[in-house]
C-alpha atoms as a PDB file:
ATOM      1  CA  MET A   1       4.384   0.724 -19.025  1.00  0.00           C
ATOM      2  CA  ARG A   2       2.783  -2.319 -17.972  1.00  0.00           C
ATOM      3  CA  ILE A   3       3.696  -2.931 -14.073  1.00  0.00           C
ATOM      4  CA  PRO A   4       5.275  -6.771 -13.736  1.00  0.00           C
ATOM      5  CA  LYS A   5       3.871  -9.059 -11.178  1.00  0.00           C
ATOM      6  CA  ASP A   6       7.677 -10.991 -10.802  1.00  0.00           C
ATOM      7  CA  LYS A   7       8.867  -7.256  -9.555  1.00  0.00           C
ATOM      8  CA  THR A   8       6.122  -5.775  -7.795  1.00  0.00           C
ATOM      9  CA  ALA A   9       5.572  -6.065  -3.851  1.00  0.00           C
ATOM     10  CA  GLY A  10       2.780  -4.421  -1.963  1.00  0.00           C
ATOM     11  CA  LEU A  11       3.074  -2.109   0.908  1.00  0.00           C
ATOM     12  CA  ILE A  12       0.349  -1.495   3.858  1.00  0.00           C
ATOM     13  CA  ILE A  13       1.386   1.741   5.825  1.00  0.00           C
ATOM     14  CA  ASP A  14       0.516   2.674   9.381  1.00  0.00           C
ATOM     15  CA  MET A  15      -3.022   1.576   9.432  1.00  0.00           C
ATOM     16  CA  GLN A  16      -3.059   1.784  13.124  1.00  0.00           C
ATOM     17  CA  GLU A  17      -5.657   1.450  15.993  1.00  0.00           C
ATOM     18  CA  ARG A  18      -5.577   5.030  17.594  1.00  0.00           C
ATOM     19  CA  LEU A  19      -4.966   6.925  13.693  1.00  0.00           C
ATOM     20  CA  PHE A  20      -7.875   4.978  11.866  1.00  0.00           C
ATOM     21  CA  PRO A  21     -10.796   6.064  13.644  1.00  0.00           C
ATOM     22  CA  PHE A  22     -10.095   9.817  12.647  1.00  0.00           C
ATOM     23  CA  ILE A  23      -9.411   8.643   8.899  1.00  0.00           C
ATOM     24  CA  SER A  24     -11.963  10.228   6.066  1.00  0.00           C
ATOM     25  CA  GLY A  25     -13.867   7.423   4.726  1.00  0.00           C
ATOM     26  CA  LYS A  26     -12.614   4.747   6.710  1.00  0.00           C
ATOM     27  CA  GLU A  27     -15.116   2.114   5.780  1.00  0.00           C
ATOM     28  CA  GLU A  28     -14.581   1.896   2.156  1.00  0.00           C
ATOM     29  CA  LEU A  29     -10.717   2.650   2.933  1.00  0.00           C
ATOM     30  CA  VAL A  30     -10.563  -0.460   4.840  1.00  0.00           C
ATOM     31  CA  LYS A  31     -13.194  -2.738   2.811  1.00  0.00           C
ATOM     32  CA  ASN A  32     -10.132  -1.818   0.021  1.00  0.00           C
ATOM     33  CA  VAL A  33      -7.222  -2.332   1.619  1.00  0.00           C
ATOM     34  CA  GLN A  34      -8.526  -5.788   2.175  1.00  0.00           C
ATOM     35  CA  VAL A  35      -9.236  -6.543  -1.010  1.00  0.00           C
ATOM     36  CA  LEU A  36      -6.255  -5.194  -2.249  1.00  0.00           C
ATOM     37  CA  ILE A  37      -4.394  -7.720   0.299  1.00  0.00           C
ATOM     38  CA  GLU A  38      -6.388 -10.596  -0.496  1.00  0.00           C
ATOM     39  CA  GLY A  39      -5.515 -10.030  -4.395  1.00  0.00           C
ATOM     40  CA  LEU A  40      -2.079  -9.083  -3.892  1.00  0.00           C
ATOM     41  CA  ARG A  41      -1.979 -12.738  -1.843  1.00  0.00           C
ATOM     42  CA  ILE A  42      -3.873 -14.120  -4.579  1.00  0.00           C
ATOM     43  CA  LEU A  43      -1.060 -13.289  -7.035  1.00  0.00           C
ATOM     44  CA  GLY A  44       1.520 -14.400  -4.562  1.00  0.00           C
ATOM     45  CA  ILE A  45       3.329 -10.994  -4.711  1.00  0.00           C
ATOM     46  CA  PRO A  46       4.989 -10.351  -1.577  1.00  0.00           C
ATOM     47  CA  LEU A  47       3.904  -7.808   1.194  1.00  0.00           C
ATOM     48  CA  PHE A  48       5.010  -5.362   3.891  1.00  0.00           C
ATOM     49  CA  VAL A  49       3.288  -3.836   6.606  1.00  0.00           C
ATOM     50  CA  THR A  50       4.873  -0.571   8.486  1.00  0.00           C
ATOM     51  CA  GLU A  51       3.911   0.820  11.830  1.00  0.00           C
ATOM     52  CA  GLN A  52       4.344   4.458  12.991  1.00  0.00           C
ATOM     53  CA  TYR A  53       5.369   4.748  16.185  1.00  0.00           C
ATOM     54  CA  PRO A  54       3.353   1.718  17.954  1.00  0.00           C
ATOM     55  CA  GLN A  55       3.735   2.651  21.507  1.00  0.00           C
ATOM     56  CA  GLY A  56       1.542   5.698  20.719  1.00  0.00           C
ATOM     57  CA  LEU A  57      -0.410   4.904  17.781  1.00  0.00           C
ATOM     58  CA  GLY A  58      -1.283   1.003  18.545  1.00  0.00           C
ATOM     59  CA  SER A  59      -1.178  -1.774  16.417  1.00  0.00           C
ATOM     60  CA  THR A  60      -2.169  -2.082  13.005  1.00  0.00           C
ATOM     61  CA  ILE A  61      -6.283  -2.617  13.252  1.00  0.00           C
ATOM     62  CA  ASP A  62      -7.801  -6.155  13.356  1.00  0.00           C
ATOM     63  CA  SER A  63      -9.514  -5.955   9.807  1.00  0.00           C
ATOM     64  CA  ILE A  64      -6.056  -5.200   8.313  1.00  0.00           C
ATOM     65  CA  ALA A  65      -4.194  -7.766  10.420  1.00  0.00           C
ATOM     66  CA  SER A  66      -6.189 -10.566  10.038  1.00  0.00           C
ATOM     67  CA  VAL A  67      -5.947 -10.443   6.116  1.00  0.00           C
ATOM     68  CA  THR A  68      -1.839  -9.811   6.540  1.00  0.00           C
ATOM     69  CA  GLY A  69      -1.211 -12.930   8.321  1.00  0.00           C
ATOM     70  CA  GLY A  70       2.457 -13.423   9.582  1.00  0.00           C
ATOM     71  CA  VAL A  71       3.506 -10.782   7.417  1.00  0.00           C
ATOM     72  CA  GLU A  72       6.345  -9.138  10.050  1.00  0.00           C
ATOM     73  CA  ARG A  73       5.953  -5.691  11.047  1.00  0.00           C
ATOM     74  CA  HIS A  74       8.171  -2.754  10.075  1.00  0.00           C
ATOM     75  CA  VAL A  75       8.110  -0.384  13.184  1.00  0.00           C
ATOM     76  CA  LYS A  76       9.471   3.426  12.017  1.00  0.00           C
ATOM     77  CA  THR A  77       9.631   6.339  13.775  1.00  0.00           C
ATOM     78  CA  ALA A  78      10.784   8.409  10.427  1.00  0.00           C
ATOM     79  CA  PHE A  79       7.444   8.965   8.292  1.00  0.00           C
ATOM     80  CA  SER A  80       9.220   7.792   4.920  1.00  0.00           C
ATOM     81  CA  CYS A  81       9.267   4.017   5.309  1.00  0.00           C
ATOM     82  CA  CYS A  82      12.474   4.823   3.285  1.00  0.00           C
ATOM     83  CA  ASP A  83      14.151   5.896   6.463  1.00  0.00           C
ATOM     84  CA  GLU A  84      13.707   2.422   7.847  1.00  0.00           C
ATOM     85  CA  PRO A  85      17.101   0.515   7.324  1.00  0.00           C
ATOM     86  CA  THR A  86      15.214  -2.661   7.845  1.00  0.00           C
ATOM     87  CA  PHE A  87      12.418  -1.872   5.706  1.00  0.00           C
ATOM     88  CA  MET A  88      14.623  -0.844   3.081  1.00  0.00           C
ATOM     89  CA  GLU A  89      17.116  -4.274   3.459  1.00  0.00           C
ATOM     90  CA  ASP A  90      14.123  -6.337   3.016  1.00  0.00           C
ATOM     91  CA  LEU A  91      12.831  -4.513   0.247  1.00  0.00           C
ATOM     92  CA  ALA A  92      16.033  -4.576  -1.265  1.00  0.00           C
ATOM     93  CA  LEU A  93      16.300  -8.519  -0.530  1.00  0.00           C
ATOM     94  CA  SER A  94      13.150  -8.854  -2.241  1.00  0.00           C
ATOM     95  CA  GLY A  95      14.220  -8.117  -5.932  1.00  0.00           C
ATOM     96  CA  ARG A  96      10.831  -5.721  -5.939  1.00  0.00           C
ATOM     97  CA  ASP A  97      11.195  -2.235  -7.159  1.00  0.00           C
ATOM     98  CA  TYR A  98       7.632  -1.035  -8.156  1.00  0.00           C
ATOM     99  CA  VAL A  99       5.476  -0.938  -4.905  1.00  0.00           C
ATOM    100  CA  LEU A 100       1.911  -0.753  -4.449  1.00  0.00           C
ATOM    101  CA  ILE A 101       1.464   1.474  -1.701  1.00  0.00           C
ATOM    102  CA  ALA A 102      -1.961   1.796   0.488  1.00  0.00           C
ATOM    103  CA  GLY A 103      -2.274   3.147   4.125  1.00  0.00           C
ATOM    104  CA  ILE A 104      -2.348   6.543   5.935  1.00  0.00           C
ATOM    105  CA  GLU A 105      -2.088   9.010   6.010  1.00  0.00           C
ATOM    106  CA  SER A 106      -2.122  10.177   2.083  1.00  0.00           C
ATOM    107  CA  HIS A 107      -0.046  13.654   2.888  1.00  0.00           C
ATOM    108  CA  ILE A 108       2.233  12.440   4.925  1.00  0.00           C
ATOM    109  CA  CYS A 109       3.895   8.891   5.401  1.00  0.00           C
ATOM    110  CA  VAL A 110       2.420   8.166   2.329  1.00  0.00           C
ATOM    111  CA  MET A 111       3.881  10.606  -0.343  1.00  0.00           C
ATOM    112  CA  GLN A 112       6.710  10.895   1.328  1.00  0.00           C
ATOM    113  CA  THR A 113       7.290   7.030   1.115  1.00  0.00           C
ATOM    114  CA  ALA A 114       6.352   7.387  -2.432  1.00  0.00           C
ATOM    115  CA  LEU A 115       8.358  10.364  -3.611  1.00  0.00           C
ATOM    116  CA  ASP A 116      12.019   9.203  -1.535  1.00  0.00           C
ATOM    117  CA  MET A 117      11.458   5.613  -3.724  1.00  0.00           C
ATOM    118  CA  LEU A 118      11.527   7.875  -7.021  1.00  0.00           C
ATOM    119  CA  ALA A 119      14.479   9.286  -5.418  1.00  0.00           C
ATOM    120  CA  HIS A 120      15.658   6.036  -4.981  1.00  0.00           C
ATOM    121  CA  GLY A 121      15.356   4.868  -8.662  1.00  0.00           C
ATOM    122  CA  MET A 122      12.503   2.845  -7.524  1.00  0.00           C
ATOM    123  CA  HIS A 123       8.590   2.939  -8.933  1.00  0.00           C
ATOM    124  CA  PRO A 124       6.175   3.956  -6.261  1.00  0.00           C
ATOM    125  CA  VAL A 125       2.489   3.035  -7.364  1.00  0.00           C
ATOM    126  CA  VAL A 126      -0.049   4.312  -5.223  1.00  0.00           C
ATOM    127  CA  VAL A 127      -3.393   2.824  -4.893  1.00  0.00           C
ATOM    128  CA  GLU A 128      -5.380   5.718  -4.860  1.00  0.00           C
ATOM    129  CA  ASP A 129      -8.557   3.938  -3.416  1.00  0.00           C
ATOM    130  CA  CYS A 130      -6.348   2.359  -0.721  1.00  0.00           C
ATOM    131  CA  VAL A 131      -5.255   5.424   0.752  1.00  0.00           C
ATOM    132  CA  SER A 132      -6.789   8.375   2.639  1.00  0.00           C
ATOM    133  CA  SER A 133      -5.750  11.267   5.191  1.00  0.00           C
ATOM    134  CA  ARG A 134      -8.024  12.476   8.471  1.00  0.00           C
ATOM    135  CA  HIS A 135      -8.922  15.418   5.568  1.00  0.00           C
ATOM    136  CA  LEU A 136      -9.719  14.853   1.799  1.00  0.00           C
ATOM    137  CA  ASN A 137      -8.227  18.118   0.979  1.00  0.00           C
ATOM    138  CA  ASP A 138      -4.607  16.671   2.266  1.00  0.00           C
ATOM    139  CA  LYS A 139      -5.417  13.690   0.092  1.00  0.00           C
ATOM    140  CA  ALA A 140      -6.283  15.436  -2.789  1.00  0.00           C
ATOM    141  CA  VAL A 141      -3.149  17.940  -2.560  1.00  0.00           C
ATOM    142  CA  ALA A 142      -0.825  14.901  -1.798  1.00  0.00           C
ATOM    143  CA  ILE A 143      -2.012  12.533  -5.121  1.00  0.00           C
ATOM    144  CA  GLU A 144      -1.957  15.645  -7.257  1.00  0.00           C
ATOM    145  CA  ARG A 145       2.269  16.665  -5.768  1.00  0.00           C
ATOM    146  CA  MET A 146       2.819  12.634  -6.243  1.00  0.00           C
ATOM    147  CA  ARG A 147       1.093  12.201  -9.957  1.00  0.00           C
ATOM    148  CA  ARG A 148       3.150  15.622 -10.899  1.00  0.00           C
ATOM    149  CA  ALA A 149       6.344  14.027  -9.539  1.00  0.00           C
ATOM    150  CA  GLY A 150       6.102  11.326 -11.265  1.00  0.00           C
ATOM    151  CA  VAL A 151       4.258   8.651  -8.973  1.00  0.00           C
ATOM    152  CA  ILE A 152       2.057   6.093 -10.735  1.00  0.00           C
ATOM    153  CA  ILE A 153      -1.482   6.293  -9.598  1.00  0.00           C
ATOM    154  CA  THR A 154      -3.750   3.936  -9.738  1.00  0.00           C
ATOM    155  CA  THR A 155      -7.293   2.208  -8.159  1.00  0.00           C
ATOM    156  CA  LYS A 156      -7.023  -1.471  -6.448  1.00  0.00           C
ATOM    157  CA  GLU A 157      -9.724  -2.874  -9.188  1.00  0.00           C
ATOM    158  CA  SER A 158      -6.773  -1.783 -12.096  1.00  0.00           C
ATOM    159  CA  ILE A 159      -3.797  -3.099 -10.369  1.00  0.00           C
ATOM    160  CA  LEU A 160      -5.657  -6.324  -9.681  1.00  0.00           C
ATOM    161  CA  PHE A 161      -6.206  -6.706 -12.843  1.00  0.00           C
ATOM    162  CA  GLU A 162      -3.344  -5.497 -14.855  1.00  0.00           C
ATOM    163  CA  LEU A 163      -0.888  -7.657 -12.931  1.00  0.00           C
ATOM    164  CA  LEU A 164      -3.589 -10.980 -13.176  1.00  0.00           C
ATOM    165  CA  ARG A 165      -2.723 -10.229 -17.093  1.00  0.00           C
ATOM    166  CA  TYR A 166      -5.164 -12.928 -18.342  1.00  0.00           C
ATOM    167  CA  SER A 167      -8.886 -13.845 -17.657  1.00  0.00           C
ATOM    168  CA  GLY A 168     -10.063 -17.823 -17.951  1.00  0.00           C
ATOM    169  CA  THR A 169      -7.777 -18.761 -15.332  1.00  0.00           C
ATOM    170  CA  GLU A 170      -8.149 -19.794 -11.348  1.00  0.00           C
ATOM    171  CA  ASN A 171      -6.735 -16.684 -10.129  1.00  0.00           C
ATOM    172  CA  PHE A 172      -9.034 -14.822 -12.474  1.00  0.00           C
ATOM    173  CA  LYS A 173     -11.895 -16.206 -11.026  1.00  0.00           C
ATOM    174  CA  MET A 174     -10.655 -15.551  -7.186  1.00  0.00           C
ATOM    175  CA  ILE A 175      -9.339 -12.070  -8.116  1.00  0.00           C
ATOM    176  CA  SER A 176     -13.219 -11.598  -9.856  1.00  0.00           C
ATOM    177  CA  LYS A 177     -14.697 -12.611  -6.943  1.00  0.00           C
ATOM    178  CA  LEU A 178     -13.026  -9.830  -4.475  1.00  0.00           C
ATOM    179  CA  ILE A 179     -13.515  -7.057  -6.865  1.00  0.00           C
ATOM    180  CA  LYS A 180     -17.621  -7.977  -6.750  1.00  0.00           C
END
Protein backbone atom coordinates (compact mmCIF):
# COMPACT_ATOMS: atom_id res chain seq x y z
CA MET A 1 0.00 0.00 0.00
CA ARG A 2 1.41 3.36 -1.07
CA ILE A 3 0.81 6.40 1.10
CA PRO A 4 -1.22 9.02 -0.82
CA LYS A 5 -0.05 12.63 -0.53
CA ASP A 6 -3.58 14.04 -0.68
CA LYS A 7 -4.64 11.93 2.30
CA THR A 8 -1.57 12.59 4.47
CA ALA A 9 -0.85 14.96 7.36
CA GLY A 10 2.23 15.38 9.53
CA LEU A 11 2.25 15.31 13.33
CA ILE A 12 5.15 16.53 15.48
CA ILE A 13 4.66 15.31 19.05
CA ASP A 14 6.05 17.10 22.12
CA MET A 15 9.50 18.29 20.98
CA GLN A 16 9.74 20.47 24.08
CA GLU A 17 12.43 22.42 25.93
CA ARG A 18 12.53 20.58 29.26
CA LEU A 19 12.24 17.06 27.85
CA PHE A 20 14.44 17.33 24.76
CA PRO A 21 17.85 17.62 26.52
CA PHE A 22 17.43 14.09 27.92
CA ILE A 23 16.52 12.39 24.62
CA SER A 24 18.87 9.83 23.11
CA GLY A 25 20.48 10.98 19.84
CA LYS A 26 18.89 14.40 20.14
CA GLU A 27 21.24 16.16 17.68
CA GLU A 28 20.47 13.71 14.86
CA LEU A 29 16.80 13.65 15.82
CA VAL A 30 16.36 17.41 15.51
CA LYS A 31 18.09 17.45 12.10
CA ASN A 32 15.88 14.63 10.85
CA VAL A 33 12.67 16.24 12.11
CA GLN A 34 13.65 19.55 10.51
CA VAL A 35 14.20 17.81 7.16
CA LEU A 36 10.87 16.01 7.47
CA ILE A 37 8.99 19.22 8.27
CA GLU A 38 10.66 21.16 5.45
CA GLY A 39 9.88 18.32 3.03
CA LEU A 40 6.24 18.21 4.10
CA ARG A 41 6.03 21.98 3.60
CA ILE A 42 7.44 21.66 0.06
CA LEU A 43 4.83 19.00 -0.69
CA GLY A 44 1.99 21.10 0.76
CA ILE A 45 1.12 18.56 3.45
CA PRO A 46 -0.68 19.96 6.49
CA LEU A 47 1.19 19.83 9.77
CA PHE A 48 0.05 19.48 13.38
CA VAL A 49 2.21 20.13 16.45
CA THR A 50 1.46 19.11 20.04
CA GLU A 51 2.88 20.19 23.36
CA GLN A 52 2.49 18.06 26.47
CA TYR A 53 1.69 20.20 29.50
CA PRO A 54 3.83 23.19 28.38
CA GLN A 55 3.61 24.81 31.84
CA GLY A 56 5.85 22.01 33.07
CA LEU A 57 7.73 20.87 29.95
CA GLY A 58 8.14 24.21 28.19
CA SER A 59 7.44 25.17 24.60
CA THR A 60 8.48 23.47 21.39
CA ILE A 61 12.26 23.80 21.01
CA ASP A 62 13.36 26.76 18.88
CA SER A 63 14.98 24.67 16.16
CA ILE A 64 11.65 22.95 15.48
CA ALA A 65 9.43 25.97 16.12
CA SER A 66 11.42 27.91 13.52
CA VAL A 67 10.52 25.45 10.73
CA THR A 68 6.91 24.90 11.74
CA GLY A 69 6.07 28.54 11.10
CA GLY A 70 2.67 29.62 12.29
CA VAL A 71 1.33 26.12 12.95
CA GLU A 72 -0.97 26.15 15.96
CA ARG A 73 0.20 24.12 18.94
CA HIS A 74 -2.30 21.66 20.35
CA VAL A 75 -1.78 21.64 24.11
CA LYS A 76 -2.49 18.33 25.79
CA THR A 77 -2.25 16.60 29.12
CA ALA A 78 -3.16 13.13 27.83
CA PHE A 79 -0.26 11.10 26.49
CA SER A 80 -2.16 10.14 23.32
CA CYS A 81 -2.89 12.99 20.93
CA CYS A 82 -6.15 11.16 20.17
CA ASP A 83 -7.39 11.96 23.67
CA GLU A 84 -7.19 15.69 22.89
CA PRO A 85 -10.59 16.64 21.38
CA THR A 86 -9.46 19.80 19.57
CA PHE A 87 -6.60 17.93 17.90
CA MET A 88 -8.94 15.16 16.73
CA GLU A 89 -11.48 17.72 15.47
CA ASP A 90 -8.80 19.61 13.53
CA LEU A 91 -7.39 16.38 12.12
CA ALA A 92 -10.86 15.26 11.02
CA LEU A 93 -11.46 18.65 9.37
CA SER A 94 -8.24 18.21 7.38
CA GLY A 95 -9.71 15.13 5.71
CA ARG A 96 -6.41 13.29 6.17
CA ASP A 97 -6.34 9.77 7.58
CA TYR A 98 -2.67 8.91 6.99
CA VAL A 99 -0.63 10.62 9.70
CA LEU A 100 3.16 10.82 9.62
CA ILE A 101 4.29 10.83 13.23
CA ALA A 102 7.55 12.32 14.54
CA GLY A 103 8.57 13.41 18.02
CA ILE A 104 9.13 12.20 21.55
CA GLU A 105 8.92 9.98 23.44
CA SER A 106 8.60 6.91 21.22
CA HIS A 107 7.38 4.59 23.95
CA ILE A 108 4.84 6.96 25.50
CA CYS A 109 3.11 9.69 23.49
CA VAL A 110 4.18 8.48 20.04
CA MET A 111 3.17 4.87 20.65
CA GLN A 112 -0.10 5.63 22.41
CA THR A 113 -1.08 8.06 19.64
CA ALA A 114 -0.24 5.58 16.88
CA LEU A 115 -2.13 2.73 18.56
CA ASP A 116 -5.17 4.95 19.17
CA MET A 117 -5.12 6.11 15.55
CA LEU A 118 -5.27 2.48 14.45
CA ALA A 119 -8.25 1.97 16.76
CA HIS A 120 -9.94 4.98 15.10
CA GLY A 121 -9.50 3.43 11.65
CA MET A 122 -6.69 5.76 10.64
CA HIS A 123 -3.28 4.93 9.14
CA PRO A 124 -0.47 6.05 11.48
CA VAL A 125 2.97 6.14 9.87
CA VAL A 126 5.82 6.43 12.37
CA VAL A 127 8.96 7.98 10.89
CA GLU A 128 11.52 5.89 12.74
CA ASP A 129 14.49 8.24 12.35
CA CYS A 130 12.29 11.14 13.53
CA VAL A 131 11.29 9.65 16.90
CA SER A 132 13.28 8.89 20.03
CA SER A 133 13.15 8.30 23.77
CA ARG A 134 15.44 8.91 26.70
CA HIS A 135 16.56 5.27 26.46
CA LEU A 136 17.11 3.52 23.12
CA ASN A 137 15.70 0.25 24.40
CA ASP A 138 12.37 1.97 25.10
CA LYS A 139 12.33 3.23 21.51
CA ALA A 140 13.21 -0.19 20.09
CA VAL A 141 10.50 -1.97 22.07
CA ALA A 142 7.93 0.68 21.11
CA ILE A 143 8.81 0.44 17.39
CA GLU A 144 8.46 -3.34 17.52
CA ARG A 145 5.14 -3.16 19.37
CA MET A 146 3.74 -0.61 16.92
CA ARG A 147 4.94 -2.63 13.91
CA ARG A 148 3.28 -5.79 15.27
CA ALA A 149 0.05 -3.85 15.87
CA GLY A 150 -0.04 -2.71 12.23
CA VAL A 151 1.48 0.76 12.38
CA ILE A 152 3.49 1.60 9.26
CA ILE A 153 7.17 2.25 10.07
CA THR A 154 9.30 4.24 7.62
CA THR A 155 12.16 6.75 7.41
CA LYS A 156 12.18 10.42 6.46
CA GLU A 157 13.91 9.88 3.13
CA SER A 158 11.71 6.96 2.17
CA ILE A 159 8.44 8.75 2.96
CA LEU A 160 9.40 12.04 1.32
CA PHE A 161 10.25 10.32 -1.96
CA GLU A 162 7.17 8.10 -1.70
CA LEU A 163 4.96 11.17 -1.36
CA LEU A 164 6.87 12.95 -4.13
CA ARG A 165 6.39 10.03 -6.57
CA TYR A 166 8.26 11.58 -9.53
CA SER A 167 11.73 12.93 -10.23
CA GLY A 168 12.48 15.80 -12.56
CA THR A 169 10.16 18.28 -10.84
CA GLU A 170 10.96 21.42 -8.90
CA ASN A 171 9.75 19.70 -5.70
CA PHE A 172 12.11 16.79 -6.45
CA LYS A 173 15.05 19.19 -6.69
CA MET A 174 14.14 20.90 -3.40
CA ILE A 175 13.65 17.63 -1.52
CA SER A 176 16.85 16.16 -2.96
CA LYS A 177 18.75 19.16 -1.54
CA LEU A 178 17.15 18.60 1.87
CA ILE A 179 18.17 14.94 1.98
CA LYS A 180 21.83 15.52 1.09
